[in-house]
């Protein structure tokens, strides 16, 4: 379960975020590359763009639901 207090500061502000429990598995980046990227300095995925449309939100939710470490949170 994602922990808001462990939200990585490299995420852009908004509804979706990745926390420090990320295992850098690449699933979110493969599922929704327009919203998630790897931050090479920290070695984790982060949110690079917040989804806006219903289709974009559904894709980000798909990545969140598939995250094996449950590191993707949604505050909305």
Protein backbone atom coordinates (compact mmCIF):
# COMPACT_ATOMS: atom_id res chain seq x y z
CA UNK A 1 0.00 0.00 0.00
CA UNK A 2 1.49 3.36 -1.02
CA UNK A 3 2.50 5.67 1.78
CA UNK A 4 1.93 9.39 1.21
CA UNK A 5 4.56 10.27 3.80
CA UNK A 6 7.12 8.38 1.65
CA UNK A 7 6.13 10.10 -1.60
CA UNK A 8 9.29 10.70 -3.60
CA UNK A 9 10.00 14.43 -4.05
CA UNK A 10 10.94 13.81 -7.70
CA UNK A 11 7.25 13.23 -8.56
CA UNK A 12 5.55 16.21 -10.11
CA UNK A 13 2.73 17.56 -7.93
CA UNK A 14 -0.71 16.07 -8.40
CA UNK A 15 -2.97 13.12 -7.84
CA UNK A 16 -0.60 10.25 -8.72
CA UNK A 17 2.76 9.61 -7.06
CA UNK A 18 5.37 6.90 -6.49
CA UNK A 19 6.65 6.27 -2.98
CA UNK A 20 9.99 5.01 -1.67
CA UNK A 21 8.89 1.34 -1.77
CA UNK A 22 9.40 1.27 -5.57
CA UNK A 23 11.47 -1.71 -6.73
CA UNK A 24 12.22 -0.24 -10.18
CA UNK A 25 10.51 -3.14 -11.98
CA UNK A 26 9.59 -1.01 -15.06
CA UNK A 27 5.94 -2.14 -15.13
CA UNK A 28 4.49 1.37 -14.73
CA UNK A 29 6.87 2.75 -17.36
CA UNK A 30 5.92 -0.03 -19.77
CA UNK A 31 2.19 0.41 -19.09
CA UNK A 32 2.01 4.21 -19.10
CA UNK A 33 5.31 5.71 -20.30
CA UNK A 34 3.77 9.13 -20.82
CA UNK A 35 3.12 9.39 -17.07
CA UNK A 36 5.99 7.46 -15.47
CA UNK A 37 9.74 7.67 -16.01
CA UNK A 38 12.84 6.34 -14.28
CA UNK A 39 14.81 8.84 -12.26
CA UNK A 40 18.38 7.61 -12.75
CA UNK A 41 19.71 9.54 -9.74
CA UNK A 42 17.48 7.69 -7.26
CA UNK A 43 16.91 4.49 -9.25
CA UNK A 44 13.12 4.55 -8.99
CA UNK A 45 10.15 5.39 -11.14
CA UNK A 46 8.44 8.74 -10.61
CA UNK A 47 5.44 10.52 -12.08
CA UNK A 48 6.56 12.85 -14.86
CA UNK A 49 3.13 13.98 -16.06
CA UNK A 50 -0.25 13.86 -14.34
CA UNK A 51 -3.09 12.31 -16.35
CA UNK A 52 -5.98 14.61 -17.17
CA UNK A 53 -8.51 12.91 -19.41
CA UNK A 54 -10.57 9.89 -18.37
CA UNK A 55 -8.58 7.68 -20.76
CA UNK A 56 -5.28 8.94 -19.31
CA UNK A 57 -6.49 8.42 -15.76
CA UNK A 58 -7.61 4.88 -16.64
CA UNK A 59 -4.12 4.12 -18.01
CA UNK A 60 -2.41 5.50 -14.90
CA UNK A 61 -4.83 3.47 -12.74
CA UNK A 62 -3.92 0.36 -14.75
CA UNK A 63 -0.26 0.97 -13.93
CA UNK A 64 -1.14 1.56 -10.27
CA UNK A 65 -3.21 -1.62 -10.08
CA UNK A 66 -0.42 -3.66 -11.67
CA UNK A 67 2.38 -2.35 -9.45
CA UNK A 68 3.83 -5.43 -7.70
CA UNK A 69 5.17 -3.41 -4.76
CA UNK A 70 2.04 -1.23 -4.46
CA UNK A 71 4.22 1.86 -4.68
CA UNK A 72 1.92 4.03 -6.80
CA UNK A 73 -0.54 6.18 -4.90
CA UNK A 74 -3.51 8.22 -5.94
CA UNK A 75 -4.86 11.07 -3.84
CA UNK A 76 -8.08 11.38 -5.75
